[in-house]
Amino acid sequence: MKKVLALVLALTMSVGLAGCAGKSNSSADKGKDEKIKIRLLTRMAGTTNQVKIFKDIVKDFESKHPDVMVVDESQGDESAFNNKLKTDLASGTLPNIFRIQGVANLGEYIKSGLLMDMDPILKEDAKWGGGFTEGALSYYQVQGHKGTYAIPMESGLIGVYYNEELFKQAGIEKFPATWGELKTAIEKLNAIKIKPIALGAKSTYMAGHLHDQIFYKWMGTEAAKKLGSREMKWTDPEVVKTLGFVKELNDINAFGKNVAGISDDIVLTEFLQGKAGMIITGPWNMGKFTSEKDTKYTKSIKVAKFPSFEEKPQFKDNDMQILSPYMVNGKLQGKEKEYTIELVKMLTSADAAKRFAEESQFLIPRKDINIDKTKVSELFLKNVDLGATSTGIAVDVFDFDPLPSMQDRTRNSIVSMFVGSTPEKAAQEIQAEIDKAK
C-alpha cells in the first residue's frame, strides 16, 4: 500500500487518504426501505446530444430498478472532474463508475483493489463482451496484471477540422499533408485576415493536444512510453524540438493574439462562425460541425489528420486518438455490484452504441454496430475511416507517466511558450517535476 498511498497523496496534494480507500455504499449496510445508491463520476455532463443519450439510459435503468437511486456527479470540465476524483480518493468514497486518466498508474490501483477486473464479466456475457474492438480493450490490460480493468466507452481520431470554403478563399487547394505545407497554409489564411488555427490555451488541454499531435508525428507514440519509463528525458534535444514546433506556430501567428487568455468555447465559436480556418479537436464536437443551428458551414467543414513531418515519414500514421473508459469500483459487493455491472452494460451495449453514433456521432469502440449510414454525417464516417489507418495510437503524452502531476505540469509549461517562455525552459520545468519526485 505504500505506493498507493504515495500515489493518492500526489493526486490530492495536501489531502490525506482515508484508511478505507475505495469503500462503496454496500447494500449490506442499507435498511430495507433505503434505496441502493450507485454513484457516477464520468465526463458525461453538459447539454450535448451524447449527454442526453447517457442520461436517457440512466433513467431507463432506474425505471427497471425502483430500489436503485443513481447519483450522477459527472463533470464536463476537466479540472472540476480531476478535483472531484481527488477528493473522493482522499475521503475513501470512490464512485461505483468512474474513470482515471491515463494508464501509467493503473497497476497501483489494481494492487489496492480499487479497480474491478472486467474480464470475467466480458467472458460471461459473450454477446456484449465480444463486441468490443480488441485494441480498445487491450489498452486497459495492464502489464504485470491479468485482466481488463476498464470498459472503453468512447474512441475516435483527434484530428484537424478545417473550413474548406475559407481554404479556397485563401488559395489553399487541399489540406496540408506536411509541416511545410501547414506553415504555408497559415501564411495564406493570415493574408486574408482569417485566424489560421482556433486555439484557446486558457483551458490548457487545447495546447496540450497540439503538442501531443506534434510529438507523435515527430517521435512516434512509443517515445511517449519511453518518457514515462524514464528511458528518455524532456530535456533530450529531440523532445525539446517538439516543444519548439509549438513555439514556431505561435511565432508565425497561427493562433492570433492573447492565446493564453482565451477559453476553448470562444475559439470553438470562432471556428463555427468562419473566423478561423482550422481547429484541433475530437469527435465530441462533430455534432456542432454538422448542425445548421450552430454553423452555416456544415457542408464546408472537413476533417484530416494532423500534418506529418517530411523528415519523419515513418510516423505519418502515429496518431492521437481519444480512448475513454468506464472503470468500476473493485470494492463493490452483492446487489450493488450486480446493478453497477448492469448499468455499465446498458451504457456500452450495441444498441446504445448505435444510438450514440446515429444521434450524436459519438463512437463507442464496438465492431458489432449496425450504423445506418443515412443517419450519420460524412464527417463522422471520414473520422472513422481515418482512425482505422492509425498504425500507432496514443492519447496524451502524460498518460504514460507515473507522476499524476504531469498533466498540469506539461500543459502549463506548453502554455508558457505563448507568453514568452522558450522551448528549452519549458522542457527544463517539466523535467524538474520528474527529478524532484525521485
Protein backbone atom coordinates (compact mmCIF):
# COMPACT_ATOMS: atom_id res chain seq x y z
CA MET A 1 0.00 0.00 0.00
CA LYS A 2 2.95 2.39 0.33
CA LYS A 3 2.96 3.10 -3.39
CA VAL A 4 -0.82 3.53 -3.43
CA LEU A 5 -0.66 5.96 -0.53
CA ALA A 6 2.09 7.91 -2.25
CA LEU A 7 0.10 7.96 -5.47
CA VAL A 8 -3.07 9.26 -3.88
CA LEU A 9 -1.14 11.77 -1.80
CA ALA A 10 0.35 13.07 -5.03
CA LEU A 11 -3.10 13.25 -6.56
CA THR A 12 -4.60 15.08 -3.64
CA MET A 13 -1.53 17.19 -2.81
CA SER A 14 -2.05 18.05 0.81
CA VAL A 15 -5.10 15.89 1.50
CA GLY A 16 -4.53 12.57 3.29
CA LEU A 17 -6.01 9.26 2.20
CA ALA A 18 -8.69 7.85 4.46
CA GLY A 19 -8.00 4.38 5.76
CA CYS A 20 -10.63 2.58 3.74
CA ALA A 21 -9.87 3.90 0.26
CA GLY A 22 -12.36 2.81 -2.36
CA LYS A 23 -15.16 1.89 0.05
CA SER A 24 -18.57 1.71 -1.55
CA ASN A 25 -22.15 2.15 -0.44
CA SER A 26 -22.54 -1.56 0.19
CA SER A 27 -26.13 -2.80 0.05
CA ALA A 28 -25.41 -4.84 3.16
CA ASP A 29 -25.47 -1.58 5.14
CA LYS A 30 -28.84 -0.44 3.75
CA GLY A 31 -32.09 -0.50 5.58
CA LYS A 32 -34.97 -2.38 3.98
CA ASP A 33 -36.61 0.78 2.64
CA GLU A 34 -33.43 2.62 1.65
CA LYS A 35 -32.52 2.62 -2.00
CA ILE A 36 -29.18 1.31 -3.21
CA LYS A 37 -27.09 4.25 -4.38
CA ILE A 38 -24.97 3.99 -7.50
CA ARG A 39 -22.64 6.95 -7.86
CA LEU A 40 -21.30 8.01 -11.24
CA LEU A 41 -18.31 10.25 -11.88
CA THR A 42 -17.81 10.49 -15.64
CA ARG A 43 -17.21 13.33 -18.10
CA MET A 44 -20.76 12.97 -19.44
CA ALA A 45 -22.11 16.35 -18.38
CA GLY A 46 -23.49 19.32 -20.25
CA THR A 47 -26.07 19.80 -22.99
CA THR A 48 -24.68 17.75 -25.88
CA ASN A 49 -26.67 15.01 -27.59
CA GLN A 50 -24.40 12.30 -26.22
CA VAL A 51 -25.04 13.52 -22.68
CA LYS A 52 -28.79 13.40 -23.33
CA ILE A 53 -28.49 9.78 -24.52
CA PHE A 54 -26.35 8.94 -21.48
CA LYS A 55 -28.99 10.38 -19.15
CA ASP A 56 -31.80 8.61 -21.01
CA ILE A 57 -30.08 5.26 -20.48
CA VAL A 58 -29.58 6.03 -16.79
CA LYS A 59 -33.30 6.87 -16.48
CA ASP A 60 -34.22 3.61 -18.22
CA PHE A 61 -32.04 1.75 -15.76
CA GLU A 62 -33.69 3.46 -12.79
CA SER A 63 -37.13 2.65 -14.20
CA LYS A 64 -36.18 -1.03 -14.33
CA HIS A 65 -34.95 -0.96 -10.73
CA PRO A 66 -37.15 1.06 -8.32
CA ASP A 67 -34.86 0.04 -5.46
CA VAL A 68 -31.92 1.93 -7.01
CA MET A 69 -31.06 5.63 -6.99
CA VAL A 70 -28.35 6.77 -9.40
CA VAL A 71 -26.38 9.75 -8.12
CA ASP A 72 -24.75 11.32 -11.17
CA GLU A 73 -21.83 13.55 -10.15
CA SER A 74 -20.31 13.71 -13.64
CA GLN A 75 -18.28 16.78 -14.58
CA GLY A 76 -17.81 18.13 -18.09
CA ASP A 77 -14.93 20.39 -17.13
CA GLU A 78 -11.64 18.50 -16.87
CA SER A 79 -10.31 20.43 -13.85
CA ALA A 80 -13.58 20.05 -11.95
CA PHE A 81 -13.59 16.33 -12.73
CA ASN A 82 -9.99 15.85 -11.56
CA ASN A 83 -10.64 17.76 -8.34
CA LYS A 84 -13.76 15.69 -7.60
CA LEU A 85 -11.90 12.42 -8.20
CA LYS A 86 -9.02 13.55 -5.95
CA THR A 87 -11.48 14.39 -3.18
CA ASP A 88 -13.23 11.02 -3.49
CA LEU A 89 -9.93 9.15 -3.41
CA ALA A 90 -8.82 11.07 -0.34
CA SER A 91 -12.08 10.51 1.54
CA GLY A 92 -12.25 6.83 0.63
CA THR A 93 -15.60 7.19 -1.17
CA LEU A 94 -14.75 6.11 -4.69
CA PRO A 95 -17.81 6.15 -7.02
CA ASN A 96 -19.29 2.96 -8.45
CA ILE A 97 -18.43 4.02 -12.01
CA PHE A 98 -15.59 6.45 -12.71
CA ARG A 99 -12.53 6.99 -14.85
CA ILE A 100 -8.82 7.51 -14.23
CA GLN A 101 -6.84 9.44 -16.81
CA GLY A 102 -4.01 7.51 -18.41
CA VAL A 103 -2.68 4.01 -17.88
CA ALA A 104 0.69 4.53 -16.18
CA ASN A 105 -0.62 4.17 -12.63
CA LEU A 106 -3.38 1.62 -13.10
CA GLY A 107 -1.15 -1.10 -11.62
CA GLU A 108 -1.18 0.61 -8.24
CA TYR A 109 -4.96 0.90 -8.26
CA ILE A 110 -5.24 -2.75 -9.27
CA LYS A 111 -2.96 -3.86 -6.41
CA SER A 112 -5.08 -1.96 -3.90
CA GLY A 113 -8.30 -3.50 -5.21
CA LEU A 114 -9.77 -0.19 -6.34
CA LEU A 115 -10.39 -1.39 -9.91
CA MET A 116 -12.63 -4.30 -10.82
CA ASP A 117 -11.26 -6.84 -13.30
CA MET A 118 -13.86 -6.83 -16.07
CA ASP A 119 -12.53 -9.96 -17.82
CA PRO A 120 -14.92 -12.40 -16.09
CA ILE A 121 -17.90 -10.19 -16.99
CA LEU A 122 -16.72 -9.76 -20.58
CA LYS A 123 -16.36 -13.54 -20.96
CA GLU A 124 -19.58 -14.40 -19.12
CA ASP A 125 -21.66 -12.20 -21.42
CA ALA A 126 -20.09 -13.11 -24.77
CA LYS A 127 -22.61 -11.17 -26.84
CA TRP A 128 -21.84 -7.91 -25.05
CA GLY A 129 -18.17 -8.56 -24.26
CA GLY A 130 -17.28 -9.95 -27.68
CA GLY A 131 -18.49 -6.82 -29.43
CA PHE A 132 -15.67 -4.51 -28.35
CA THR A 133 -12.70 -3.90 -30.61
CA GLU A 134 -9.61 -5.77 -29.46
CA GLY A 135 -7.35 -2.73 -29.50
CA ALA A 136 -9.66 -0.72 -27.27
CA LEU A 137 -9.84 -3.47 -24.65
CA SER A 138 -6.11 -4.22 -24.77
CA TYR A 139 -5.33 -0.59 -23.86
CA TYR A 140 -6.67 -1.40 -20.39
CA GLN A 141 -4.83 -4.68 -20.00
CA VAL A 142 -2.00 -3.63 -17.72
CA GLN A 143 1.45 -5.18 -17.92
CA GLY A 144 2.10 -7.44 -14.92
CA HIS A 145 -1.60 -7.90 -14.14
CA LYS A 146 -4.02 -10.39 -15.62
CA GLY A 147 -7.35 -8.97 -16.61
CA THR A 148 -9.02 -5.98 -18.25
CA TYR A 149 -9.56 -3.05 -15.93
CA ALA A 150 -11.93 -0.77 -17.82
CA ILE A 151 -14.67 -0.83 -20.42
CA PRO A 152 -13.93 1.54 -23.34
CA MET A 153 -16.84 3.93 -23.85
CA GLU A 154 -15.51 6.36 -26.46
CA SER A 155 -12.97 6.35 -29.25
CA GLY A 156 -12.10 8.44 -32.26
CA LEU A 157 -9.37 10.37 -34.01
CA ILE A 158 -8.29 13.72 -32.61
CA GLY A 159 -7.91 15.48 -35.92
CA VAL A 160 -7.80 18.84 -37.61
CA TYR A 161 -11.23 20.10 -38.63
CA TYR A 162 -10.99 22.75 -41.32
CA ASN A 163 -13.27 25.05 -43.30
CA GLU A 164 -12.86 24.16 -46.96
CA GLU A 165 -14.61 27.37 -48.10
CA LEU A 166 -12.14 29.55 -46.21
CA PHE A 167 -9.26 27.49 -47.53
CA LYS A 168 -10.39 28.18 -51.11
CA GLN A 169 -10.73 31.90 -50.36
CA ALA A 170 -7.11 31.83 -49.18
CA GLY A 171 -5.95 29.95 -52.28
CA ILE A 172 -5.33 26.65 -50.46
CA GLU A 173 -6.32 23.86 -52.83
CA LYS A 174 -6.07 20.93 -50.43
CA PHE A 175 -5.44 20.29 -46.75
CA PRO A 176 -1.70 20.45 -45.93
CA ALA A 177 -0.23 16.98 -45.68
CA THR A 178 3.14 18.08 -44.29
CA TRP A 179 4.55 20.56 -41.77
CA GLY A 180 5.93 22.77 -44.52
CA GLU A 181 2.56 22.87 -46.25
CA LEU A 182 0.87 23.69 -42.93
CA LYS A 183 3.08 26.76 -42.46
CA THR A 184 2.27 27.88 -46.00
CA ALA A 185 -1.46 27.48 -45.32
CA ILE A 186 -1.12 29.53 -42.11
CA GLU A 187 0.57 32.31 -44.07
CA LYS A 188 -2.22 32.33 -46.68
CA LEU A 189 -5.01 32.40 -44.08
CA ASN A 190 -3.33 35.27 -42.25
CA ALA A 191 -3.14 37.14 -45.54
CA ILE A 192 -6.96 37.22 -45.81
CA LYS A 193 -7.39 38.15 -42.12
CA ILE A 194 -8.63 34.70 -41.06
CA LYS A 195 -7.21 33.21 -37.85
CA PRO A 196 -5.41 30.08 -39.10
CA ILE A 197 -5.95 27.80 -36.06
CA ALA A 198 -8.60 28.33 -33.38
CA LEU A 199 -6.79 27.55 -30.15
CA GLY A 200 -7.58 28.80 -26.65
CA ALA A 201 -4.94 27.97 -24.07
CA LYS A 202 -6.87 29.24 -21.04
CA SER A 203 -8.24 25.70 -20.97
CA THR A 204 -4.77 24.20 -21.14
CA TYR A 205 -5.83 20.91 -22.72
CA MET A 206 -6.01 22.51 -26.19
CA ALA A 207 -2.33 23.47 -26.05
CA GLY A 208 -1.55 20.01 -24.72
CA HIS A 209 -3.39 18.34 -27.59
CA LEU A 210 -1.46 20.45 -30.09
CA HIS A 211 1.83 19.28 -28.65
CA ASP A 212 0.62 15.67 -28.49
CA GLN A 213 -0.06 15.73 -32.22
CA ILE A 214 3.33 17.22 -33.00
CA PHE A 215 5.15 14.83 -30.65
CA TYR A 216 3.64 11.69 -32.21
CA LYS A 217 4.33 12.87 -35.76
CA TRP A 218 7.96 13.71 -34.91
CA MET A 219 8.88 10.90 -32.49
CA GLY A 220 6.11 8.30 -32.64
CA THR A 221 3.77 7.04 -29.95
CA GLU A 222 6.35 4.65 -28.49
CA ALA A 223 8.52 7.63 -27.50
CA ALA A 224 5.80 8.77 -25.08
CA LYS A 225 6.15 5.45 -23.27
CA LYS A 226 9.91 5.98 -23.05
CA LEU A 227 9.36 9.34 -21.39
CA GLY A 228 7.08 7.65 -18.88
CA SER A 229 9.58 4.87 -18.16
CA ARG A 230 12.43 7.45 -17.90
CA GLU A 231 14.35 6.00 -20.84
CA MET A 232 14.11 9.49 -22.30
CA LYS A 233 14.11 12.96 -20.78
CA TRP A 234 12.09 16.04 -21.67
CA THR A 235 15.39 17.87 -21.99
CA ASP A 236 16.64 15.50 -24.70
CA PRO A 237 17.22 17.51 -27.90
CA GLU A 238 14.58 15.69 -29.97
CA VAL A 239 11.91 16.18 -27.30
CA VAL A 240 12.79 19.87 -26.99
CA LYS A 241 12.33 20.12 -30.76
CA THR A 242 8.69 19.04 -30.39
CA LEU A 243 8.14 21.94 -27.97
CA GLY A 244 9.97 24.19 -30.40
CA PHE A 245 7.47 23.39 -33.13
CA VAL A 246 4.65 24.64 -30.87
CA LYS A 247 6.58 27.88 -30.33
CA GLU A 248 7.22 28.14 -34.07
CA LEU A 249 3.50 28.06 -34.81
CA ASN A 250 2.87 30.77 -32.24
CA ASP A 251 5.67 32.90 -33.68
CA ILE A 252 4.15 32.81 -37.19
CA ASN A 253 0.78 33.95 -35.77
CA ALA A 254 -1.01 30.63 -36.21
CA PHE A 255 -3.37 31.32 -33.29
CA GLY A 256 -3.89 35.06 -33.24
CA LYS A 257 -3.31 37.25 -30.19
CA ASN A 258 -3.73 36.51 -26.47
CA VAL A 259 -3.84 32.73 -26.93
CA ALA A 260 -3.16 32.04 -23.24
CA GLY A 261 -6.15 34.14 -22.16
CA ILE A 262 -8.80 32.71 -24.49
CA SER A 263 -11.07 29.82 -23.49
CA ASP A 264 -11.91 26.81 -25.61
CA ASP A 265 -15.60 27.73 -26.02
CA ILE A 266 -14.68 31.10 -27.51
CA VAL A 267 -12.36 29.66 -30.15
CA LEU A 268 -14.89 26.93 -30.97
CA THR A 269 -17.44 29.67 -31.65
CA GLU A 270 -14.88 31.48 -33.82
CA PHE A 271 -14.43 28.36 -35.91
CA LEU A 272 -18.17 27.77 -36.20
CA GLN A 273 -18.67 31.38 -37.32
CA GLY A 274 -16.00 31.16 -40.02
CA LYS A 275 -13.49 33.39 -38.26
CA ALA A 276 -10.87 30.63 -38.06
CA GLY A 277 -9.72 28.16 -40.69
CA MET A 278 -8.86 25.16 -38.50
CA ILE A 279 -9.43 23.70 -35.05
CA ILE A 280 -7.78 20.69 -33.43
CA THR A 281 -10.42 18.69 -31.60
CA GLY A 282 -12.07 15.32 -31.21
CA PRO A 283 -15.29 13.66 -32.32
CA TRP A 284 -17.23 15.21 -29.42
CA ASN A 285 -17.65 18.46 -31.41
CA MET A 286 -18.86 16.84 -34.65
CA GLY A 287 -22.48 17.37 -33.67
CA LYS A 288 -21.90 21.13 -33.75
CA PHE A 289 -19.98 20.97 -37.02
CA THR A 290 -22.90 19.25 -38.74
CA SER A 291 -25.72 21.26 -37.11
CA GLU A 292 -27.21 24.11 -39.14
CA LYS A 293 -28.27 25.69 -35.85
CA ASP A 294 -24.62 26.01 -34.82
CA THR A 295 -22.91 26.90 -38.10
CA LYS A 296 -23.69 27.84 -41.67
CA TYR A 297 -20.58 25.96 -42.81
CA THR A 298 -21.91 22.41 -42.34
CA LYS A 299 -21.02 21.46 -45.92
CA SER A 300 -17.60 23.12 -45.76
CA ILE A 301 -16.20 21.62 -42.55
CA LYS A 302 -13.94 18.64 -43.26
CA VAL A 303 -11.53 16.56 -41.16
CA ALA A 304 -7.95 15.43 -41.72
CA LYS A 305 -5.05 14.02 -39.79
CA PHE A 306 -2.54 16.43 -38.33
CA PRO A 307 0.21 17.04 -40.95
CA SER A 308 3.28 14.84 -40.78
CA PHE A 309 6.93 15.88 -40.99
CA GLU A 310 8.76 15.42 -44.27
CA GLU A 311 11.80 14.11 -42.35
CA LYS A 312 9.75 11.55 -40.38
CA PRO A 313 7.54 9.60 -42.84
CA GLN A 314 7.67 6.55 -40.56
CA PHE A 315 5.42 8.36 -38.06
CA LYS A 316 2.88 9.63 -40.58
CA ASP A 317 0.17 7.39 -39.15
CA ASN A 318 1.10 7.70 -35.48
CA ASP A 319 -1.99 9.49 -34.24
CA MET A 320 -3.65 10.89 -31.19
CA GLN A 321 -6.98 9.23 -30.56
CA ILE A 322 -9.40 9.62 -27.73
CA LEU A 323 -9.98 6.44 -25.74
CA SER A 324 -12.12 6.94 -22.66
CA PRO A 325 -13.18 4.30 -20.13
CA TYR A 326 -15.78 3.37 -17.60
CA MET A 327 -13.99 1.88 -14.61
CA VAL A 328 -15.80 0.01 -11.86
CA ASN A 329 -15.07 0.22 -8.14
CA GLY A 330 -13.33 -3.01 -7.13
CA LYS A 331 -14.79 -2.94 -3.62
CA LEU A 332 -18.41 -3.46 -4.68
CA GLN A 333 -20.36 -6.43 -3.40
CA GLY A 334 -23.75 -8.07 -3.69
CA LYS A 335 -26.67 -6.32 -5.33
CA GLU A 336 -24.77 -3.05 -5.65
CA LYS A 337 -22.10 -4.78 -7.71
CA GLU A 338 -24.72 -6.57 -9.81
CA TYR A 339 -26.62 -3.38 -10.57
CA THR A 340 -23.46 -1.41 -11.35
CA ILE A 341 -22.32 -4.00 -13.89
CA GLU A 342 -25.77 -3.99 -15.47
CA LEU A 343 -25.65 -0.21 -15.87
CA VAL A 344 -22.19 -0.37 -17.50
CA LYS A 345 -23.54 -2.94 -19.94
CA MET A 346 -26.54 -0.78 -20.79
CA LEU A 347 -24.32 2.25 -21.39
CA THR A 348 -21.98 0.33 -23.72
CA SER A 349 -24.27 -2.16 -25.47
CA ALA A 350 -24.51 -2.47 -29.25
CA ASP A 351 -27.94 -0.79 -29.11
CA ALA A 352 -26.52 2.09 -27.08
CA ALA A 353 -23.56 2.38 -29.45
CA LYS A 354 -25.90 2.54 -32.44
CA ARG A 355 -27.94 5.30 -30.80
CA PHE A 356 -24.84 7.25 -29.75
CA ALA A 357 -23.47 7.04 -33.31
CA GLU A 358 -26.66 7.89 -35.19
CA GLU A 359 -27.98 10.59 -32.86
CA SER A 360 -24.80 12.27 -31.66
CA GLN A 361 -21.94 10.94 -33.82
CA PHE A 362 -20.28 9.60 -30.70
CA LEU A 363 -18.31 6.39 -31.26
CA ILE A 364 -18.19 3.53 -28.78
CA PRO A 365 -15.42 1.14 -29.97
CA ARG A 366 -17.60 -1.82 -30.86
CA LYS A 367 -17.37 -3.91 -34.01
CA ASP A 368 -21.00 -5.10 -33.90
CA ILE A 369 -22.70 -1.74 -34.51
CA ASN A 370 -25.09 -1.71 -37.43
CA ILE A 371 -24.94 2.01 -38.19
CA ASP A 372 -27.48 3.40 -40.64
CA LYS A 373 -25.18 5.49 -42.84
CA THR A 374 -28.08 7.71 -43.86
CA LYS A 375 -28.31 8.87 -40.23
CA VAL A 376 -24.69 9.89 -39.77
CA SER A 377 -22.68 12.59 -41.47
CA GLU A 378 -19.89 12.17 -43.98
CA LEU A 379 -17.70 13.90 -41.39
CA PHE A 380 -18.34 11.13 -38.88
CA LEU A 381 -17.64 8.38 -41.42
CA LYS A 382 -14.45 10.16 -42.52
CA ASN A 383 -13.25 10.33 -38.91
CA VAL A 384 -13.89 6.60 -38.52
CA ASP A 385 -12.04 5.84 -41.78
CA LEU A 386 -9.04 8.00 -40.85
CA GLY A 387 -8.85 6.46 -37.38
CA ALA A 388 -8.73 3.00 -38.91
CA THR A 389 -5.45 3.86 -40.69
CA SER A 390 -3.57 4.64 -37.46
CA THR A 391 -0.57 2.35 -37.00
CA GLY A 392 0.37 3.91 -33.66
CA ILE A 393 -2.26 5.15 -31.21
CA ALA A 394 -1.89 7.17 -28.02
CA VAL A 395 -3.92 9.68 -26.08
CA ASP A 396 -1.96 12.36 -24.16
CA VAL A 397 1.81 12.05 -23.76
CA PHE A 398 1.45 12.27 -19.96
CA ASP A 399 -0.89 9.25 -19.93
CA PHE A 400 2.18 7.02 -19.81
CA ASP A 401 3.82 8.94 -16.97
CA PRO A 402 3.52 7.63 -13.38
CA LEU A 403 3.52 11.15 -11.92
CA PRO A 404 -0.09 12.41 -11.65
CA SER A 405 1.14 15.99 -11.60
CA MET A 406 2.49 15.70 -15.14
CA GLN A 407 -0.86 16.55 -16.70
CA ASP A 408 -0.81 20.05 -15.24
CA ARG A 409 2.96 20.45 -15.45
CA THR A 410 3.29 19.58 -19.13
CA ARG A 411 0.29 21.61 -20.23
CA ASN A 412 1.19 24.67 -18.16
CA SER A 413 4.75 24.64 -19.47
CA ILE A 414 3.49 24.38 -23.04
CA VAL A 415 1.17 27.34 -22.46
CA SER A 416 4.06 29.34 -21.03
CA MET A 417 5.60 29.44 -24.50
CA PHE A 418 2.64 31.54 -25.66
CA VAL A 419 3.62 34.26 -23.19
CA GLY A 420 7.35 34.47 -23.79
CA SER A 421 8.96 31.30 -22.44
CA THR A 422 11.32 29.19 -24.56
CA PRO A 423 11.13 25.51 -25.51
CA GLU A 424 14.29 24.88 -23.51
CA LYS A 425 12.85 26.47 -20.38
CA ALA A 426 9.57 24.61 -20.79
CA ALA A 427 11.46 21.32 -21.11
CA GLN A 428 13.53 22.12 -18.02
CA GLU A 429 10.37 22.85 -15.99
CA ILE A 430 8.81 19.55 -16.97
CA GLN A 431 11.98 17.56 -16.33
CA ALA A 432 12.42 19.29 -12.95
CA GLU A 433 8.99 17.99 -11.92
CA ILE A 434 10.22 14.46 -12.60
CA ASP A 435 13.61 14.94 -10.95
CA LYS A 436 12.20 16.32 -7.70
CA ALA A 437 9.93 13.28 -7.37
CA LYS A 438 12.84 10.83 -7.39
